Amino acid sequence: MNRRVAHPQTLHTGFLECTAMKSHTLTRLAFSKNEAAEQIGVSLAAIDKLIADREIRTFTVGRRRLISAAALADFITAREAAEQGAA
């Protein structure tokens, strides 16, 4: 889900700081397990297994378990590299 930013502002996320200017699009930085599964095209059960096997990193905010966009990208990169090495 992308949001349009109407006015220039600085966003502070703890580990990332970016300046969003008018007409720039903000990209989601984290997803729920359901959303992460949808993003990479797998089932919720598959995401649960990948988390249990520590193939995808997660973090919590309060009681919510989230998966960063970076963790999903790292997982995909690692899987692609593993398949390239096996071929």
PDB file of N, CA and C in Angstrom:
ATOM      1  N   MET A   1       0.841  -1.166   0.000  1.00  0.00           N
ATOM      2  CA  MET A   1       0.000   0.000   0.000  1.00  0.00           C
ATOM      3  C   MET A   1       0.888   1.231   0.000  1.00  0.00           C
ATOM      4  N   ASN A   2       0.752   2.079  -0.986  1.00  0.00           N
ATOM      5  CA  ASN A   2       1.516   3.307  -1.092  1.00  0.00           C
ATOM      6  C   ASN A   2       0.633   4.487  -0.742  1.00  0.00           C
ATOM      7  N   ARG A   3       1.237   5.486  -0.084  1.00  0.00           N
ATOM      8  CA  ARG A   3       0.508   6.694   0.271  1.00  0.00           C
ATOM      9  C   ARG A   3       1.187   7.889  -0.371  1.00  0.00           C
ATOM     10  N   ARG A   4       0.400   8.843  -0.809  1.00  0.00           N
ATOM     11  CA  ARG A   4       0.934  10.074  -1.346  1.00  0.00           C
ATOM     12  C   ARG A   4       1.137  11.049  -0.196  1.00  0.00           C
ATOM     13  N   VAL A   5       2.233  11.779  -0.229  1.00  0.00           N
ATOM     14  CA  VAL A   5       2.532  12.758   0.802  1.00  0.00           C
ATOM     15  C   VAL A   5       2.219  14.138   0.245  1.00  0.00           C
ATOM     16  N   ALA A   6       1.366  14.887   0.940  1.00  0.00           N
ATOM     17  CA  ALA A   6       0.925  16.181   0.436  1.00  0.00           C
ATOM     18  C   ALA A   6       1.953  17.287   0.669  1.00  0.00           C
ATOM     19  N   HIS A   7       2.660  17.246   1.773  1.00  0.00           N
ATOM     20  CA  HIS A   7       3.600  18.305   2.125  1.00  0.00           C
ATOM     21  C   HIS A   7       4.941  17.698   2.515  1.00  0.00           C
ATOM     22  N   PRO A   8       6.055  18.465   2.294  1.00  0.00           N
ATOM     23  CA  PRO A   8       7.361  17.949   2.709  1.00  0.00           C
ATOM     24  C   PRO A   8       7.373  17.688   4.216  1.00  0.00           C
ATOM     25  N   GLN A   9       7.962  16.573   4.594  1.00  0.00           N
ATOM     26  CA  GLN A   9       8.093  16.248   6.005  1.00  0.00           C
ATOM     27  C   GLN A   9       9.189  15.215   6.177  1.00  0.00           C
ATOM     28  N   THR A  10       9.743  15.141   7.365  1.00  0.00           N
ATOM     29  CA  THR A  10      10.750  14.129   7.651  1.00  0.00           C
ATOM     30  C   THR A  10      10.103  13.034   8.468  1.00  0.00           C
ATOM     31  N   LEU A  11      10.299  11.793   8.060  1.00  0.00           N
ATOM     32  CA  LEU A  11       9.749  10.642   8.766  1.00  0.00           C
ATOM     33  C   LEU A  11      10.863   9.983   9.554  1.00  0.00           C
ATOM     34  N   HIS A  12      10.651   9.742  10.832  1.00  0.00           N
ATOM     35  CA  HIS A  12      11.636   9.075  11.680  1.00  0.00           C
ATOM     36  C   HIS A  12      11.074   7.711  12.047  1.00  0.00           C
ATOM     37  N   THR A  13      11.791   6.648  11.709  1.00  0.00           N
ATOM     38  CA  THR A  13      11.300   5.309  12.010  1.00  0.00           C
ATOM     39  C   THR A  13      12.225   4.570  12.957  1.00  0.00           C
ATOM     40  N   GLY A  14      13.145   5.257  13.616  1.00  0.00           N
ATOM     41  CA  GLY A  14      14.059   4.595  14.536  1.00  0.00           C
ATOM     42  C   GLY A  14      15.340   4.186  13.843  1.00  0.00           C
ATOM     43  N   PHE A  15      15.261   3.354  12.828  1.00  0.00           N
ATOM     44  CA  PHE A  15      16.451   2.887  12.123  1.00  0.00           C
ATOM     45  C   PHE A  15      16.586   3.528  10.753  1.00  0.00           C
ATOM     46  N   LEU A  16      15.577   4.233  10.311  1.00  0.00           N
ATOM     47  CA  LEU A  16      15.594   4.810   8.975  1.00  0.00           C
ATOM     48  C   LEU A  16      15.034   6.214   9.032  1.00  0.00           C
ATOM     49  N   GLU A  17      15.702   7.126   8.383  1.00  0.00           N
ATOM     50  CA  GLU A  17      15.190   8.481   8.291  1.00  0.00           C
ATOM     51  C   GLU A  17      15.147   8.855   6.823  1.00  0.00           C
ATOM     52  N   CYS A  18      14.021   9.308   6.366  1.00  0.00           N
ATOM     53  CA  CYS A  18      13.923   9.722   4.976  1.00  0.00           C
ATOM     54  C   CYS A  18      13.085  10.980   4.895  1.00  0.00           C
ATOM     55  N   THR A  19      13.359  11.779   3.899  1.00  0.00           N
ATOM     56  CA  THR A  19      12.587  12.992   3.682  1.00  0.00           C
ATOM     57  C   THR A  19      11.643  12.741   2.527  1.00  0.00           C
ATOM     58  N   ALA A  20      10.383  12.941   2.764  1.00  0.00           N
ATOM     59  CA  ALA A  20       9.376  12.735   1.732  1.00  0.00           C
ATOM     60  C   ALA A  20       8.939  14.098   1.226  1.00  0.00           C
ATOM     61  N   MET A  21       9.087  14.330  -0.047  1.00  0.00           N
ATOM     62  CA  MET A  21       8.709  15.594  -0.660  1.00  0.00           C
ATOM     63  C   MET A  21       7.395  15.407  -1.411  1.00  0.00           C
ATOM     64  N   LYS A  22       6.758  16.514  -1.738  1.00  0.00           N
ATOM     65  CA  LYS A  22       5.490  16.483  -2.452  1.00  0.00           C
ATOM     66  C   LYS A  22       5.605  15.630  -3.711  1.00  0.00           C
ATOM     67  N   SER A  23       4.617  14.811  -3.967  1.00  0.00           N
ATOM     68  CA  SER A  23       4.472  13.908  -5.107  1.00  0.00           C
ATOM     69  C   SER A  23       5.365  12.670  -5.041  1.00  0.00           C
ATOM     70  N   HIS A  24       6.081  12.451  -3.950  1.00  0.00           N
ATOM     71  CA  HIS A  24       6.833  11.208  -3.777  1.00  0.00           C
ATOM     72  C   HIS A  24       5.928  10.177  -3.109  1.00  0.00           C
ATOM     73  N   THR A  25       6.201   8.921  -3.355  1.00  0.00           N
ATOM     74  CA  THR A  25       5.394   7.851  -2.800  1.00  0.00           C
ATOM     75  C   THR A  25       6.148   7.176  -1.661  1.00  0.00           C
ATOM     76  N   LEU A  26       5.463   6.950  -0.542  1.00  0.00           N
ATOM     77  CA  LEU A  26       6.048   6.213   0.574  1.00  0.00           C
ATOM     78  C   LEU A  26       5.779   4.734   0.374  1.00  0.00           C
ATOM     79  N   THR A  27       6.759   3.919   0.625  1.00  0.00           N
ATOM     80  CA  THR A  27       6.634   2.478   0.480  1.00  0.00           C
ATOM     81  C   THR A  27       6.545   1.853   1.856  1.00  0.00           C
ATOM     82  N   ARG A  28       5.736   0.818   1.981  1.00  0.00           N
ATOM     83  CA  ARG A  28       5.603   0.111   3.258  1.00  0.00           C
ATOM     84  C   ARG A  28       6.954  -0.436   3.692  1.00  0.00           C
ATOM     85  N   LEU A  29       7.273  -0.304   4.963  1.00  0.00           N
ATOM     86  CA  LEU A  29       8.524  -0.812   5.512  1.00  0.00           C
ATOM     87  C   LEU A  29       8.338  -2.136   6.225  1.00  0.00           C
ATOM     88  N   ALA A  30       7.100  -2.445   6.655  1.00  0.00           N
ATOM     89  CA  ALA A  30       6.857  -3.685   7.395  1.00  0.00           C
ATOM     90  C   ALA A  30       5.463  -4.208   7.093  1.00  0.00           C
ATOM     91  N   PHE A  31       5.332  -5.530   7.253  1.00  0.00           N
ATOM     92  CA  PHE A  31       4.089  -6.220   6.923  1.00  0.00           C
ATOM     93  C   PHE A  31       3.713  -7.201   8.025  1.00  0.00           C
ATOM     94  N   SER A  32       2.408  -7.456   8.172  1.00  0.00           N
ATOM     95  CA  SER A  32       1.949  -8.543   9.033  1.00  0.00           C
ATOM     96  C   SER A  32       2.310  -9.858   8.336  1.00  0.00           C
ATOM     97  N   LYS A  33       2.144 -10.965   9.042  1.00  0.00           N
ATOM     98  CA  LYS A  33       2.436 -12.264   8.412  1.00  0.00           C
ATOM     99  C   LYS A  33       1.545 -12.492   7.202  1.00  0.00           C
ATOM    100  N   ASN A  34       0.271 -12.166   7.297  1.00  0.00           N
ATOM    101  CA  ASN A  34      -0.639 -12.327   6.160  1.00  0.00           C
ATOM    102  C   ASN A  34      -0.206 -11.480   4.973  1.00  0.00           C
ATOM    103  N   GLU A  35       0.145 -10.223   5.257  1.00  0.00           N
ATOM    104  CA  GLU A  35       0.570  -9.326   4.187  1.00  0.00           C
ATOM    105  C   GLU A  35       1.878  -9.784   3.559  1.00  0.00           C
ATOM    106  N   ALA A  36       2.811 -10.262   4.386  1.00  0.00           N
ATOM    107  CA  ALA A  36       4.094 -10.755   3.878  1.00  0.00           C
ATOM    108  C   ALA A  36       3.877 -11.963   2.974  1.00  0.00           C
ATOM    109  N   ALA A  37       2.987 -12.859   3.388  1.00  0.00           N
ATOM    110  CA  ALA A  37       2.678 -14.029   2.569  1.00  0.00           C
ATOM    111  C   ALA A  37       2.142 -13.586   1.208  1.00  0.00           C
ATOM    112  N   GLU A  38       1.256 -12.611   1.216  1.00  0.00           N
ATOM    113  CA  GLU A  38       0.698 -12.104  -0.029  1.00  0.00           C
ATOM    114  C   GLU A  38       1.778 -11.439  -0.888  1.00  0.00           C
ATOM    115  N   GLN A  39       2.672 -10.699  -0.255  1.00  0.00           N
ATOM    116  CA  GLN A  39       3.725  -9.994  -0.988  1.00  0.00           C
ATOM    117  C   GLN A  39       4.631 -10.943  -1.766  1.00  0.00           C
ATOM    118  N   ILE A  40       4.950 -12.095  -1.164  1.00  0.00           N
ATOM    119  CA  ILE A  40       5.878 -13.015  -1.852  1.00  0.00           C
ATOM    120  C   ILE A  40       5.165 -14.211  -2.472  1.00  0.00           C
ATOM    121  N   GLY A  41       3.846 -14.251  -2.371  1.00  0.00           N
ATOM    122  CA  GLY A  41       3.078 -15.270  -3.073  1.00  0.00           C
ATOM    123  C   GLY A  41       3.107 -16.655  -2.461  1.00  0.00           C
ATOM    124  N   VAL A  42       3.115 -16.719  -1.126  1.00  0.00           N
ATOM    125  CA  VAL A  42       3.072 -18.011  -0.439  1.00  0.00           C
ATOM    126  C   VAL A  42       1.913 -17.999   0.559  1.00  0.00           C
ATOM    127  N   SER A  43       1.630 -19.148   1.138  1.00  0.00           N
ATOM    128  CA  SER A  43       0.546 -19.250   2.120  1.00  0.00           C
ATOM    129  C   SER A  43       1.005 -18.762   3.494  1.00  0.00           C
ATOM    130  N   LEU A  44       0.042 -18.498   4.356  1.00  0.00           N
ATOM    131  CA  LEU A  44       0.354 -18.123   5.733  1.00  0.00           C
ATOM    132  C   LEU A  44       1.103 -19.253   6.427  1.00  0.00           C
ATOM    133  N   ALA A  45       0.719 -20.490   6.158  1.00  0.00           N
ATOM    134  CA  ALA A  45       1.422 -21.636   6.750  1.00  0.00           C
ATOM    135  C   ALA A  45       2.882 -21.659   6.310  1.00  0.00           C
ATOM    136  N   ALA A  46       3.142 -21.318   5.059  1.00  0.00           N
ATOM    137  CA  ALA A  46       4.528 -21.276   4.569  1.00  0.00           C
ATOM    138  C   ALA A  46       5.317 -20.183   5.281  1.00  0.00           C
ATOM    139  N   ILE A  47       4.701 -19.016   5.484  1.00  0.00           N
ATOM    140  CA  ILE A  47       5.374 -17.935   6.226  1.00  0.00           C
ATOM    141  C   ILE A  47       5.680 -18.387   7.647  1.00  0.00           C
ATOM    142  N   ASP A  48       4.703 -19.028   8.303  1.00  0.00           N
ATOM    143  CA  ASP A  48       4.921 -19.525   9.665  1.00  0.00           C
ATOM    144  C   ASP A  48       6.097 -20.492   9.714  1.00  0.00           C
ATOM    145  N   LYS A  49       6.212 -21.378   8.731  1.00  0.00           N
ATOM    146  CA  LYS A  49       7.320 -22.333   8.691  1.00  0.00           C
ATOM    147  C   LYS A  49       8.648 -21.618   8.455  1.00  0.00           C
ATOM    148  N   LEU A  50       8.664 -20.653   7.550  1.00  0.00           N
ATOM    149  CA  LEU A  50       9.893 -19.900   7.276  1.00  0.00           C
ATOM    150  C   LEU A  50      10.353 -19.129   8.505  1.00  0.00           C
ATOM    151  N   ILE A  51       9.406 -18.586   9.269  1.00  0.00           N
ATOM    152  CA  ILE A  51       9.747 -17.887  10.512  1.00  0.00           C
ATOM    153  C   ILE A  51      10.284 -18.880  11.533  1.00  0.00           C
ATOM    154  N   ALA A  52       9.602 -20.019  11.694  1.00  0.00           N
ATOM    155  CA  ALA A  52      10.038 -21.044  12.655  1.00  0.00           C
ATOM    156  C   ALA A  52      11.423 -21.578  12.305  1.00  0.00           C
ATOM    157  N   ASP A  53      11.703 -21.696  11.003  1.00  0.00           N
ATOM    158  CA  ASP A  53      13.010 -22.181  10.548  1.00  0.00           C
ATOM    159  C   ASP A  53      14.056 -21.072  10.511  1.00  0.00           C
ATOM    160  N   ARG A  54      13.668 -19.872  10.918  1.00  0.00           N
ATOM    161  CA  ARG A  54      14.537 -18.692  10.959  1.00  0.00           C
ATOM    162  C   ARG A  54      15.084 -18.308   9.588  1.00  0.00           C
ATOM    163  N   GLU A  55      14.283 -18.561   8.567  1.00  0.00           N
ATOM    164  CA  GLU A  55      14.659 -18.149   7.222  1.00  0.00           C
ATOM    165  C   GLU A  55      14.192 -16.731   6.936  1.00  0.00           C
ATOM    166  N   ILE A  56      13.189 -16.263   7.676  1.00  0.00           N
ATOM    167  CA  ILE A  56      12.715 -14.891   7.570  1.00  0.00           C
ATOM    168  C   ILE A  56      12.765 -14.272   8.968  1.00  0.00           C
ATOM    169  N   ARG A  57      13.415 -13.105   9.068  1.00  0.00           N
ATOM    170  CA  ARG A  57      13.518 -12.385  10.340  1.00  0.00           C
ATOM    171  C   ARG A  57      12.212 -11.637  10.627  1.00  0.00           C
ATOM    172  N   THR A  58      11.868 -11.549  11.892  1.00  0.00           N
ATOM    173  CA  THR A  58      10.687 -10.802  12.313  1.00  0.00           C
ATOM    174  C   THR A  58      11.059  -9.904  13.485  1.00  0.00           C
ATOM    175  N   PHE A  59      10.135  -9.003  13.817  1.00  0.00           N
ATOM    176  CA  PHE A  59      10.286  -8.181  15.010  1.00  0.00           C
ATOM    177  C   PHE A  59       8.888  -7.904  15.552  1.00  0.00           C
ATOM    178  N   THR A  60       8.823  -7.466  16.785  1.00  0.00           N
ATOM    179  CA  THR A  60       7.515  -7.193  17.380  1.00  0.00           C
ATOM    180  C   THR A  60       7.373  -5.715  17.712  1.00  0.00           C
ATOM    181  N   VAL A  61       6.149  -5.258  17.605  1.00  0.00           N
ATOM    182  CA  VAL A  61       5.751  -3.931  18.064  1.00  0.00           C
ATOM    183  C   VAL A  61       4.538  -4.181  18.937  1.00  0.00           C
ATOM    184  N   GLY A  62       4.733  -4.030  20.229  1.00  0.00           N
ATOM    185  CA  GLY A  62       3.668  -4.412  21.160  1.00  0.00           C
ATOM    186  C   GLY A  62       3.454  -5.912  21.054  1.00  0.00           C
ATOM    187  N   ARG A  63       2.232  -6.313  20.724  1.00  0.00           N
ATOM    188  CA  ARG A  63       1.930  -7.742  20.577  1.00  0.00           C
ATOM    189  C   ARG A  63       1.947  -8.197  19.119  1.00  0.00           C
ATOM    190  N   ARG A  64       2.185  -7.266  18.191  1.00  0.00           N
ATOM    191  CA  ARG A  64       2.170  -7.599  16.759  1.00  0.00           C
ATOM    192  C   ARG A  64       3.529  -8.091  16.302  1.00  0.00           C
ATOM    193  N   ARG A  65       3.566  -9.176  15.563  1.00  0.00           N
ATOM    194  CA  ARG A  65       4.790  -9.678  14.938  1.00  0.00           C
ATOM    195  C   ARG A  65       4.788  -9.180  13.502  1.00  0.00           C
ATOM    196  N   LEU A  66       5.856  -8.476  13.126  1.00  0.00           N
ATOM    197  CA  LEU A  66       5.958  -7.891  11.799  1.00  0.00           C
ATOM    198  C   LEU A  66       7.188  -8.404  11.068  1.00  0.00           C
ATOM    199  N   ILE A  67       7.138  -8.299   9.753  1.00  0.00           N
ATOM    200  CA  ILE A  67       8.242  -8.703   8.891  1.00  0.00           C
ATOM    201  C   ILE A  67       8.602  -7.494   8.047  1.00  0.00           C
ATOM    202  N   SER A  68       9.867  -7.085   8.124  1.00  0.00           N
ATOM    203  CA  SER A  68      10.273  -5.903   7.365  1.00  0.00           C
ATOM    204  C   SER A  68      10.387  -6.225   5.879  1.00  0.00           C
ATOM    205  N   ALA A  69      10.235  -5.187   5.072  1.00  0.00           N
ATOM    206  CA  ALA A  69      10.419  -5.343   3.629  1.00  0.00           C
ATOM    207  C   ALA A  69      11.843  -5.814   3.359  1.00  0.00           C
ATOM    208  N   ALA A  70      12.807  -5.340   4.139  1.00  0.00           N
ATOM    209  CA  ALA A  70      14.206  -5.748   3.976  1.00  0.00           C
ATOM    210  C   ALA A  70      14.380  -7.238   4.267  1.00  0.00           C
ATOM    211  N   ALA A  71      13.682  -7.750   5.278  1.00  0.00           N
ATOM    212  CA  ALA A  71      13.780  -9.177   5.604  1.00  0.00           C
ATOM    213  C   ALA A  71      13.217 -10.025   4.469  1.00  0.00           C
ATOM    214  N   LEU A  72      12.123  -9.562   3.852  1.00  0.00           N
ATOM    215  CA  LEU A  72      11.567 -10.286   2.703  1.00  0.00           C
ATOM    216  C   LEU A  72      12.533 -10.258   1.524  1.00  0.00           C
ATOM    217  N   ALA A  73      13.135  -9.091   1.271  1.00  0.00           N
ATOM    218  CA  ALA A  73      14.103  -8.977   0.176  1.00  0.00           C
ATOM    219  C   ALA A  73      15.315  -9.858   0.431  1.00  0.00           C
ATOM    220  N   ASP A  74      15.796  -9.892   1.684  1.00  0.00           N
ATOM    221  CA  ASP A  74      16.941 -10.745   2.027  1.00  0.00           C
ATOM    222  C   ASP A  74      16.615 -12.219   1.816  1.00  0.00           C
ATOM    223  N   PHE A  75      15.410 -12.630   2.206  1.00  0.00           N
ATOM    224  CA  PHE A  75      14.986 -14.014   2.022  1.00  0.00           C
ATOM    225  C   PHE A  75      14.973 -14.382   0.541  1.00  0.00           C
ATOM    226  N   ILE A  76      14.392 -13.513  -0.280  1.00  0.00           N
ATOM    227  CA  ILE A  76      14.317 -13.785  -1.717  1.00  0.00           C
ATOM    228  C   ILE A  76      15.711 -13.837  -2.322  1.00  0.00           C
ATOM    229  N   THR A  77      16.581 -12.905  -1.946  1.00  0.00           N
ATOM    230  CA  THR A  77      17.954 -12.892  -2.454  1.00  0.00           C
ATOM    231  C   THR A  77      18.688 -14.170  -2.067  1.00  0.00           C
ATOM    232  N   ALA A  78      18.527 -14.610  -0.820  1.00  0.00           N
ATOM    233  CA  ALA A  78      19.189 -15.838  -0.356  1.00  0.00           C
ATOM    234  C   ALA A  78      18.659 -17.053  -1.110  1.00  0.00           C
ATOM    235  N   ARG A  79      17.357 -17.125  -1.329  1.00  0.00           N
ATOM    236  CA  ARG A  79      16.783 -18.254  -2.073  1.00  0.00           C
ATOM    237  C   ARG A  79      17.270 -18.273  -3.512  1.00  0.00           C
ATOM    238  N   GLU A  80      17.318 -17.092  -4.144  1.00  0.00           N
ATOM    239  CA  GLU A  80      17.809 -17.023  -5.520  1.00  0.00           C
ATOM    240  C   GLU A  80      19.274 -17.450  -5.602  1.00  0.00           C
ATOM    241  N   ALA A  81      20.091 -17.005  -4.641  1.00  0.00           N
ATOM    242  CA  ALA A  81      21.505 -17.365  -4.623  1.00  0.00           C
ATOM    243  C   ALA A  81      21.686 -18.864  -4.421  1.00  0.00           C
ATOM    244  N   ALA A  82      20.868 -19.448  -3.531  1.00  0.00           N
ATOM    245  CA  ALA A  82      20.951 -20.882  -3.271  1.00  0.00           C
ATOM    246  C   ALA A  82      20.596 -21.680  -4.522  1.00  0.00           C
ATOM    247  N   GLU A  83      19.586 -21.220  -5.246  1.00  0.00           N
ATOM    248  CA  GLU A  83      19.185 -21.916  -6.464  1.00  0.00           C
ATOM    249  C   GLU A  83      20.204 -21.738  -7.578  1.00  0.00           C
ATOM    250  N   GLN A  84      20.841 -20.591  -7.635  1.00  0.00           N
ATOM    251  CA  GLN A  84      21.889 -20.345  -8.632  1.00  0.00           C
ATOM    252  C   GLN A  84      23.084 -21.258  -8.354  1.00  0.00           C
ATOM    253  N   GLY A  85      23.410 -21.430  -7.060  1.00  0.00           N
ATOM    254  CA  GLY A  85      24.536 -22.282  -6.669  1.00  0.00           C
ATOM    255  C   GLY A  85      24.263 -23.756  -6.924  1.00  0.00           C
ATOM    256  N   ALA A  86      22.999 -24.146  -6.819  1.00  0.00           N
ATOM    257  CA  ALA A  86      22.635 -25.551  -7.009  1.00  0.00           C
ATOM    258  C   ALA A  86      22.547 -25.918  -8.483  1.00  0.00           C
ATOM    259  N   ALA A  87      22.380 -24.928  -9.330  1.00  0.00           N
ATOM    260  CA  ALA A  87      22.213 -25.189 -10.767  1.00  0.00           C
ATOM    261  C   ALA A  87      23.524 -25.414 -11.482  1.00  0.00           C
TER     262      ALA A  87
END
